[in-house]
Amino acid sequence: MTRYKVVLEYDGTDLIGWQENHQGPSVQSLLKDAIEKFCGMRPNVVGAGRTDSGVHAVAMTAHFDIDGAHSPETVMRALNFYLTAQPVSVLSCEVVSNEFNARFDCIARHYKYIVLNRGSAPVLQKNRVYWVPRKLDIDAMRSAAEKLIGNHDFTSFRASECQAKSPIKTLDRISISQHNDLIVFEFSARSFLHHMVRNIVGTLIEIGLGKPYDIDKIFAARNRAAAGPTAPASGLYFIRADY
């Protein structure tokens, strides 16, 4: 068996997320389909993250094992051929050690969340941004975001269905930048809780709209109801995984 590491780009709009199940097409199932058409095997495909329905990826790392000694170029061309009609593309492929694990060897994950902050609804960027028509206070959001950096109990920013053993996470970085009508939130951490980024963004947007949310009080409450709403999946992108 040969282990291959691939980097994927995908548009999650019409996908149920990373994880394969019977509710519809997923990134994992589409990649498995392509591998099966290529070599007749349907291996397990392990990703660096498990994005939700509607979430996109700029460079998601994954690995799988198949028989034979196909060159990485052959595997990449074949998979992209069978993925032509799908919203998934293989950007790179390489042979790695059988000990490599795309999920457990990852030392940092990076996400980006894009908000379109203007009065007019998006057309060209539909399903790829979160449209907020009211003007946001960038400085207020940045001040609140600074309090989120570091090691904290993120229970209040955790989805009720989250399966992580502990709500304690270390958020290494949050940055908020503005590019004309676009406001971009960037996050870096070793790992994240389920919906953690979207719940943080939803809370920061409420603060940007002048709502009286206090990050210290939200942390202390350890209650999801204490934080703001979950921002839509359409604005979220998995940027890359570090190893």
C-alpha atoms as a PDB file:
ATOM      1  CA  MET A   1       0.000   0.000   0.000  1.00  0.00           C
ATOM      2  CA  THR A   2       1.162   3.524  -0.786  1.00  0.00           C
ATOM      3  CA  ARG A   3       0.026   6.547   1.204  1.00  0.00           C
ATOM      4  CA  TYR A   4      -0.724   9.733  -0.710  1.00  0.00           C
ATOM      5  CA  LYS A   5      -1.088  13.219   0.694  1.00  0.00           C
ATOM      6  CA  VAL A   6      -3.325  15.519  -1.322  1.00  0.00           C
ATOM      7  CA  VAL A   7      -4.325  19.154  -0.989  1.00  0.00           C
ATOM      8  CA  LEU A   8      -7.880  19.963  -2.045  1.00  0.00           C
ATOM      9  CA  GLU A   9      -9.835  23.029  -3.022  1.00  0.00           C
ATOM     10  CA  TYR A  10     -13.618  22.894  -2.828  1.00  0.00           C
ATOM     11  CA  ASP A  11     -16.808  24.907  -2.957  1.00  0.00           C
ATOM     12  CA  GLY A  12     -18.992  23.598  -0.148  1.00  0.00           C
ATOM     13  CA  THR A  13     -22.227  25.282  -1.278  1.00  0.00           C
ATOM     14  CA  ASP A  14     -23.943  22.103  -2.501  1.00  0.00           C
ATOM     15  CA  LEU A  15     -22.073  19.643  -0.283  1.00  0.00           C
ATOM     16  CA  ILE A  16     -23.103  18.271   3.104  1.00  0.00           C
ATOM     17  CA  GLY A  17     -19.608  18.960   4.418  1.00  0.00           C
ATOM     18  CA  TRP A  18     -16.453  16.887   4.660  1.00  0.00           C
ATOM     19  CA  GLN A  19     -17.872  13.778   6.300  1.00  0.00           C
ATOM     20  CA  GLU A  20     -19.417  11.016   4.194  1.00  0.00           C
ATOM     21  CA  ASN A  21     -22.995   9.989   5.057  1.00  0.00           C
ATOM     22  CA  HIS A  22     -26.220   9.174   3.248  1.00  0.00           C
ATOM     23  CA  GLN A  23     -27.696  12.682   3.276  1.00  0.00           C
ATOM     24  CA  GLY A  24     -25.967  13.848   0.107  1.00  0.00           C
ATOM     25  CA  PRO A  25     -22.604  14.432  -1.576  1.00  0.00           C
ATOM     26  CA  SER A  26     -19.652  15.213   0.685  1.00  0.00           C
ATOM     27  CA  VAL A  27     -16.027  16.066  -0.019  1.00  0.00           C
ATOM     28  CA  GLN A  28     -14.985  12.700   1.378  1.00  0.00           C
ATOM     29  CA  SER A  29     -17.500  10.718  -0.714  1.00  0.00           C
ATOM     30  CA  LEU A  30     -16.663  12.555  -3.949  1.00  0.00           C
ATOM     31  CA  LEU A  31     -12.940  11.933  -3.446  1.00  0.00           C
ATOM     32  CA  LYS A  32     -13.596   8.271  -2.616  1.00  0.00           C
ATOM     33  CA  ASP A  33     -15.701   7.961  -5.785  1.00  0.00           C
ATOM     34  CA  ALA A  34     -12.859   9.390  -7.870  1.00  0.00           C
ATOM     35  CA  ILE A  35     -10.268   7.090  -6.272  1.00  0.00           C
ATOM     36  CA  GLU A  36     -12.514   4.063  -6.854  1.00  0.00           C
ATOM     37  CA  LYS A  37     -12.973   4.954 -10.527  1.00  0.00           C
ATOM     38  CA  PHE A  38      -9.200   5.343 -10.864  1.00  0.00           C
ATOM     39  CA  CYS A  39      -7.968   2.160  -9.198  1.00  0.00           C
ATOM     40  CA  GLY A  40     -10.968   0.091  -8.109  1.00  0.00           C
ATOM     41  CA  MET A  41     -10.341   0.713  -4.405  1.00  0.00           C
ATOM     42  CA  ARG A  42     -12.467   2.795  -2.038  1.00  0.00           C
ATOM     43  CA  PRO A  43     -10.064   3.684   0.796  1.00  0.00           C
ATOM     44  CA  ASN A  44     -10.734   5.748   3.858  1.00  0.00           C
ATOM     45  CA  VAL A  45      -9.847   9.391   3.239  1.00  0.00           C
ATOM     46  CA  VAL A  46      -8.670  11.335   6.297  1.00  0.00           C
ATOM     47  CA  GLY A  47      -8.806  15.123   6.247  1.00  0.00           C
ATOM     48  CA  ALA A  48      -7.082  17.754   8.371  1.00  0.00           C
ATOM     49  CA  GLY A  49     -10.501  19.142   9.304  1.00  0.00           C
ATOM     50  CA  ARG A  50     -14.161  18.229   9.080  1.00  0.00           C
ATOM     51  CA  THR A  51     -15.864  21.223   7.535  1.00  0.00           C
ATOM     52  CA  ASP A  52     -19.645  21.600   7.756  1.00  0.00           C
ATOM     53  CA  SER A  53     -22.190  21.869   4.982  1.00  0.00           C
ATOM     54  CA  GLY A  54     -21.670  25.060   2.983  1.00  0.00           C
ATOM     55  CA  VAL A  55     -18.095  25.653   4.188  1.00  0.00           C
ATOM     56  CA  HIS A  56     -15.380  26.057   1.548  1.00  0.00           C
ATOM     57  CA  ALA A  57     -11.686  25.159   1.445  1.00  0.00           C
ATOM     58  CA  VAL A  58      -8.741  26.868  -0.185  1.00  0.00           C
ATOM     59  CA  ALA A  59      -6.257  24.122   0.724  1.00  0.00           C
ATOM     60  CA  MET A  60      -7.540  21.162   2.732  1.00  0.00           C
ATOM     61  CA  THR A  61      -4.965  18.421   3.364  1.00  0.00           C
ATOM     62  CA  ALA A  62      -6.000  14.761   3.281  1.00  0.00           C
ATOM     63  CA  HIS A  63      -4.425  11.326   2.978  1.00  0.00           C
ATOM     64  CA  PHE A  64      -5.412   7.870   1.720  1.00  0.00           C
ATOM     65  CA  ASP A  65      -3.794   4.497   0.992  1.00  0.00           C
ATOM     66  CA  ILE A  66      -4.063   2.596  -2.296  1.00  0.00           C
ATOM     67  CA  ASP A  67      -2.310  -0.382  -3.885  1.00  0.00           C
ATOM     68  CA  GLY A  68       0.411   0.120  -6.461  1.00  0.00           C
ATOM     69  CA  ALA A  69       3.162   2.620  -6.991  1.00  0.00           C
ATOM     70  CA  HIS A  70       1.454   5.228  -9.130  1.00  0.00           C
ATOM     71  CA  SER A  71       3.310   8.501  -9.508  1.00  0.00           C
ATOM     72  CA  PRO A  72       1.779  11.476  -7.678  1.00  0.00           C
ATOM     73  CA  GLU A  73       1.280  13.197 -11.045  1.00  0.00           C
ATOM     74  CA  THR A  74      -0.710  10.215 -12.344  1.00  0.00           C
ATOM     75  CA  VAL A  75      -2.897  10.117  -9.232  1.00  0.00           C
ATOM     76  CA  MET A  76      -3.544  13.855  -9.331  1.00  0.00           C
ATOM     77  CA  ARG A  77      -4.447  13.888 -13.042  1.00  0.00           C
ATOM     78  CA  ALA A  78      -6.711  10.852 -12.671  1.00  0.00           C
ATOM     79  CA  LEU A  79      -8.576  12.183  -9.649  1.00  0.00           C
ATOM     80  CA  ASN A  80      -9.104  15.581 -11.266  1.00  0.00           C
ATOM     81  CA  PHE A  81     -10.387  13.851 -14.403  1.00  0.00           C
ATOM     82  CA  TYR A  82     -13.044  12.025 -12.392  1.00  0.00           C
ATOM     83  CA  LEU A  83     -13.807  15.156 -10.335  1.00  0.00           C
ATOM     84  CA  THR A  84     -14.288  17.380 -13.395  1.00  0.00           C
ATOM     85  CA  ALA A  85     -18.025  17.791 -12.864  1.00  0.00           C
ATOM     86  CA  GLN A  86     -17.718  18.171  -9.078  1.00  0.00           C
ATOM     87  CA  PRO A  87     -16.932  21.217  -6.879  1.00  0.00           C
ATOM     88  CA  VAL A  88     -13.688  19.589  -5.685  1.00  0.00           C
ATOM     89  CA  SER A  89     -10.202  19.844  -7.198  1.00  0.00           C
ATOM     90  CA  VAL A  90      -6.863  18.253  -6.253  1.00  0.00           C
ATOM     91  CA  LEU A  91      -4.208  20.983  -6.119  1.00  0.00           C
ATOM     92  CA  SER A  92      -1.229  18.793  -5.259  1.00  0.00           C
ATOM     93  CA  CYS A  93      -0.339  15.164  -4.537  1.00  0.00           C
ATOM     94  CA  GLU A  94       2.715  13.484  -3.028  1.00  0.00           C
ATOM     95  CA  VAL A  95       3.761  10.123  -1.608  1.00  0.00           C
ATOM     96  CA  VAL A  96       4.281  10.237   2.157  1.00  0.00           C
ATOM     97  CA  SER A  97       5.312   7.896   4.938  1.00  0.00           C
ATOM     98  CA  ASN A  98       2.702   5.378   6.069  1.00  0.00           C
ATOM     99  CA  GLU A  99       2.946   7.043   9.492  1.00  0.00           C
ATOM    100  CA  PHE A 100       1.729  10.396   8.172  1.00  0.00           C
ATOM    101  CA  ASN A 101      -1.765  11.344   9.342  1.00  0.00           C
ATOM    102  CA  ALA A 102      -3.476  14.414   7.885  1.00  0.00           C
ATOM    103  CA  ARG A 103      -5.576  14.892  11.016  1.00  0.00           C
ATOM    104  CA  PHE A 104      -3.373  13.959  13.961  1.00  0.00           C
ATOM    105  CA  ASP A 105      -0.060  15.287  12.632  1.00  0.00           C
ATOM    106  CA  CYS A 106      -1.499  18.743  12.023  1.00  0.00           C
ATOM    107  CA  ILE A 107       0.063  21.372  14.324  1.00  0.00           C
ATOM    108  CA  ALA A 108      -2.043  24.352  13.213  1.00  0.00           C
ATOM    109  CA  ARG A 109      -5.227  25.002  11.278  1.00  0.00           C
ATOM    110  CA  HIS A 110      -6.114  28.298   9.644  1.00  0.00           C
ATOM    111  CA  TYR A 111      -9.560  29.625   8.758  1.00  0.00           C
ATOM    112  CA  LYS A 112     -10.856  32.750   7.089  1.00  0.00           C
ATOM    113  CA  TYR A 113     -14.342  34.232   7.355  1.00  0.00           C
ATOM    114  CA  ILE A 114     -15.497  36.826   4.802  1.00  0.00           C
ATOM    115  CA  VAL A 115     -18.260  39.363   5.437  1.00  0.00           C
ATOM    116  CA  LEU A 116     -19.671  41.602   2.717  1.00  0.00           C
ATOM    117  CA  ASN A 117     -20.554  44.823   4.529  1.00  0.00           C
ATOM    118  CA  ARG A 118     -22.621  46.964   2.161  1.00  0.00           C
ATOM    119  CA  GLY A 119     -26.231  47.871   1.533  1.00  0.00           C
ATOM    120  CA  SER A 120     -26.611  45.870  -1.668  1.00  0.00           C
ATOM    121  CA  ALA A 121     -26.939  42.083  -1.604  1.00  0.00           C
ATOM    122  CA  PRO A 122     -24.194  39.995  -3.265  1.00  0.00           C
ATOM    123  CA  VAL A 123     -24.687  38.500  -6.693  1.00  0.00           C
ATOM    124  CA  LEU A 124     -21.232  37.405  -7.871  1.00  0.00           C
ATOM    125  CA  GLN A 125     -20.235  36.451  -4.320  1.00  0.00           C
ATOM    126  CA  LYS A 126     -23.486  34.737  -3.372  1.00  0.00           C
ATOM    127  CA  ASN A 127     -22.869  31.657  -1.167  1.00  0.00           C
ATOM    128  CA  ARG A 128     -19.270  32.754  -0.655  1.00  0.00           C
ATOM    129  CA  VAL A 129     -19.688  35.590   1.854  1.00  0.00           C
ATOM    130  CA  TYR A 130     -21.952  36.577   4.724  1.00  0.00           C
ATOM    131  CA  TRP A 131     -23.889  39.675   3.749  1.00  0.00           C
ATOM    132  CA  VAL A 132     -24.312  42.212   6.567  1.00  0.00           C
ATOM    133  CA  PRO A 133     -26.042  45.342   5.195  1.00  0.00           C
ATOM    134  CA  ARG A 134     -25.610  47.546   8.287  1.00  0.00           C
ATOM    135  CA  LYS A 135     -22.233  49.213   8.800  1.00  0.00           C
ATOM    136  CA  LEU A 136     -19.957  47.402  11.254  1.00  0.00           C
ATOM    137  CA  ASP A 137     -17.671  49.039  13.817  1.00  0.00           C
ATOM    138  CA  ILE A 138     -14.264  47.484  13.011  1.00  0.00           C
ATOM    139  CA  ASP A 139     -12.531  48.937  16.064  1.00  0.00           C
ATOM    140  CA  ALA A 140     -15.141  47.511  18.445  1.00  0.00           C
ATOM    141  CA  MET A 141     -14.805  44.072  16.876  1.00  0.00           C
ATOM    142  CA  ARG A 142     -10.996  44.200  17.045  1.00  0.00           C
ATOM    143  CA  SER A 143     -11.043  45.173  20.724  1.00  0.00           C
ATOM    144  CA  ALA A 144     -13.367  42.282  21.541  1.00  0.00           C
ATOM    145  CA  ALA A 145     -11.343  39.849  19.414  1.00  0.00           C
ATOM    146  CA  GLU A 146      -8.170  40.565  21.398  1.00  0.00           C
ATOM    147  CA  LYS A 147      -9.823  39.086  24.490  1.00  0.00           C
ATOM    148  CA  LEU A 148     -10.445  35.800  22.645  1.00  0.00           C
ATOM    149  CA  ILE A 149      -6.770  35.161  21.924  1.00  0.00           C
ATOM    150  CA  GLY A 150      -5.060  32.682  24.230  1.00  0.00           C
ATOM    151  CA  ASN A 151      -6.082  29.644  26.261  1.00  0.00           C
ATOM    152  CA  HIS A 152      -9.735  29.752  27.344  1.00  0.00           C
ATOM    153  CA  ASP A 153     -12.796  27.667  28.087  1.00  0.00           C
ATOM    154  CA  PHE A 154     -14.761  28.179  24.849  1.00  0.00           C
ATOM    155  CA  THR A 155     -17.947  26.460  26.062  1.00  0.00           C
ATOM    156  CA  SER A 156     -20.018  29.531  25.161  1.00  0.00           C
ATOM    157  CA  PHE A 157     -18.746  29.341  21.584  1.00  0.00           C
ATOM    158  CA  ARG A 158     -19.232  25.605  21.212  1.00  0.00           C
ATOM    159  CA  ALA A 159     -22.050  23.888  19.297  1.00  0.00           C
ATOM    160  CA  SER A 160     -24.316  21.713  21.416  1.00  0.00           C
ATOM    161  CA  GLU A 161     -23.465  18.678  19.250  1.00  0.00           C
ATOM    162  CA  CYS A 162     -19.701  19.203  19.615  1.00  0.00           C
ATOM    163  CA  GLN A 163     -17.960  15.914  20.457  1.00  0.00           C
ATOM    164  CA  ALA A 164     -14.645  17.338  21.677  1.00  0.00           C
ATOM    165  CA  LYS A 165     -13.615  15.971  25.075  1.00  0.00           C
ATOM    166  CA  SER A 166     -12.677  19.404  26.421  1.00  0.00           C
ATOM    167  CA  PRO A 167     -13.902  22.956  25.691  1.00  0.00           C
ATOM    168  CA  ILE A 168     -10.431  24.311  26.528  1.00  0.00           C
ATOM    169  CA  LYS A 169      -8.685  25.584  23.404  1.00  0.00           C
ATOM    170  CA  THR A 170      -5.815  27.939  22.619  1.00  0.00           C
ATOM    171  CA  LEU A 171      -6.635  30.484  19.955  1.00  0.00           C
ATOM    172  CA  ASP A 172      -3.289  31.660  18.604  1.00  0.00           C
ATOM    173  CA  ARG A 173      -4.455  34.402  16.296  1.00  0.00           C
ATOM    174  CA  ILE A 174      -7.427  36.500  15.237  1.00  0.00           C
ATOM    175  CA  SER A 175      -7.066  39.333  12.787  1.00  0.00           C
ATOM    176  CA  ILE A 176      -9.775  41.533  11.300  1.00  0.00           C
ATOM    177  CA  SER A 177      -9.034  43.499   8.151  1.00  0.00           C
ATOM    178  CA  GLN A 178     -11.141  45.574   5.787  1.00  0.00           C
ATOM    179  CA  HIS A 179     -10.803  45.623   2.018  1.00  0.00           C
ATOM    180  CA  ASN A 180     -13.352  48.043   0.601  1.00  0.00           C
ATOM    181  CA  ASP A 181     -16.730  46.353   1.283  1.00  0.00           C
ATOM    182  CA  LEU A 182     -15.177  43.119   2.524  1.00  0.00           C
ATOM    183  CA  ILE A 183     -14.314  42.457   6.168  1.00  0.00           C
ATOM    184  CA  VAL A 184     -12.028  39.457   6.611  1.00  0.00           C
ATOM    185  CA  PHE A 185     -11.636  37.556   9.894  1.00  0.00           C
ATOM    186  CA  GLU A 186      -8.615  35.214  10.117  1.00  0.00           C
ATOM    187  CA  PHE A 187      -8.159  32.528  12.777  1.00  0.00           C
ATOM    188  CA  SER A 188      -5.260  30.237  13.681  1.00  0.00           C
ATOM    189  CA  ALA A 189      -5.158  27.457  16.288  1.00  0.00           C
ATOM    190  CA  ARG A 190      -4.037  23.874  16.665  1.00  0.00           C
ATOM    191  CA  SER A 191      -7.675  22.806  16.765  1.00  0.00           C
ATOM    192  CA  PHE A 192     -11.163  24.267  17.022  1.00  0.00           C
ATOM    193  CA  LEU A 193     -14.454  23.230  18.591  1.00  0.00           C
ATOM    194  CA  HIS A 194     -17.490  22.527  16.416  1.00  0.00           C
ATOM    195  CA  HIS A 195     -18.888  25.853  15.099  1.00  0.00           C
ATOM    196  CA  MET A 196     -16.330  27.739  17.210  1.00  0.00           C
ATOM    197  CA  VAL A 197     -15.216  30.082  14.416  1.00  0.00           C
ATOM    198  CA  ARG A 198     -18.766  30.756  13.199  1.00  0.00           C
ATOM    199  CA  ASN A 199     -19.998  31.393  16.746  1.00  0.00           C
ATOM    200  CA  ILE A 200     -17.134  33.796  17.410  1.00  0.00           C
ATOM    201  CA  VAL A 201     -17.768  35.658  14.158  1.00  0.00           C
ATOM    202  CA  GLY A 202     -21.493  35.859  14.899  1.00  0.00           C
ATOM    203  CA  THR A 203     -20.719  37.348  18.305  1.00  0.00           C
ATOM    204  CA  LEU A 204     -18.156  39.823  16.956  1.00  0.00           C
ATOM    205  CA  ILE A 205     -20.614  40.976  14.303  1.00  0.00           C
ATOM    206  CA  GLU A 206     -23.219  41.644  16.997  1.00  0.00           C
ATOM    207  CA  ILE A 207     -20.601  43.722  18.815  1.00  0.00           C
ATOM    208  CA  GLY A 208     -19.822  45.511  15.556  1.00  0.00           C
ATOM    209  CA  LEU A 209     -23.511  46.373  15.275  1.00  0.00           C
ATOM    210  CA  GLY A 210     -23.469  47.919  18.743  1.00  0.00           C
ATOM    211  CA  LYS A 211     -24.974  45.032  20.730  1.00  0.00           C
ATOM    212  CA  PRO A 212     -23.865  44.918  24.418  1.00  0.00           C
ATOM    213  CA  TYR A 213     -21.930  41.632  24.374  1.00  0.00           C
ATOM    214  CA  ASP A 214     -19.002  41.371  26.792  1.00  0.00           C
ATOM    215  CA  ILE A 215     -16.392  38.697  26.011  1.00  0.00           C
ATOM    216  CA  ASP A 216     -15.335  38.246  29.649  1.00  0.00           C
ATOM    217  CA  LYS A 217     -18.941  37.671  30.712  1.00  0.00           C
ATOM    218  CA  ILE A 218     -19.503  35.278  27.816  1.00  0.00           C
ATOM    219  CA  PHE A 219     -16.487  33.197  28.854  1.00  0.00           C
ATOM    220  CA  ALA A 220     -17.609  33.198  32.497  1.00  0.00           C
ATOM    221  CA  ALA A 221     -21.137  32.058  31.611  1.00  0.00           C
ATOM    222  CA  ARG A 222     -19.943  28.813  29.978  1.00  0.00           C
ATOM    223  CA  ASN A 223     -23.284  28.766  28.197  1.00  0.00           C
ATOM    224  CA  ARG A 224     -23.853  28.866  24.429  1.00  0.00           C
ATOM    225  CA  ALA A 225     -26.867  31.143  24.970  1.00  0.00           C
ATOM    226  CA  ALA A 226     -24.579  33.845  26.375  1.00  0.00           C
ATOM    227  CA  ALA A 227     -22.832  34.412  23.027  1.00  0.00           C
ATOM    228  CA  GLY A 228     -24.131  35.699  19.705  1.00  0.00           C
ATOM    229  CA  PRO A 229     -25.715  33.756  16.829  1.00  0.00           C
ATOM    230  CA  THR A 230     -23.889  31.309  14.597  1.00  0.00           C
ATOM    231  CA  ALA A 231     -22.668  33.054  11.449  1.00  0.00           C
ATOM    232  CA  PRO A 232     -23.677  31.324   8.183  1.00  0.00           C
ATOM    233  CA  ALA A 233     -21.438  28.654   6.687  1.00  0.00           C
ATOM    234  CA  SER A 234     -21.172  30.496   3.350  1.00  0.00           C
ATOM    235  CA  GLY A 235     -18.534  32.941   4.596  1.00  0.00           C
ATOM    236  CA  LEU A 236     -16.184  30.341   6.105  1.00  0.00           C
ATOM    237  CA  TYR A 237     -13.070  28.958   4.390  1.00  0.00           C
ATOM    238  CA  PHE A 238     -10.543  26.390   5.572  1.00  0.00           C
ATOM    239  CA  ILE A 239      -7.293  28.046   4.459  1.00  0.00           C
ATOM    240  CA  ARG A 240      -4.560  25.516   5.206  1.00  0.00           C
ATOM    241  CA  ALA A 241      -3.120  23.012   7.648  1.00  0.00           C
ATOM    242  CA  ASP A 242       0.433  23.182   8.987  1.00  0.00           C
ATOM    243  CA  TYR A 243       2.602  20.130   9.706  1.00  0.00           C
END
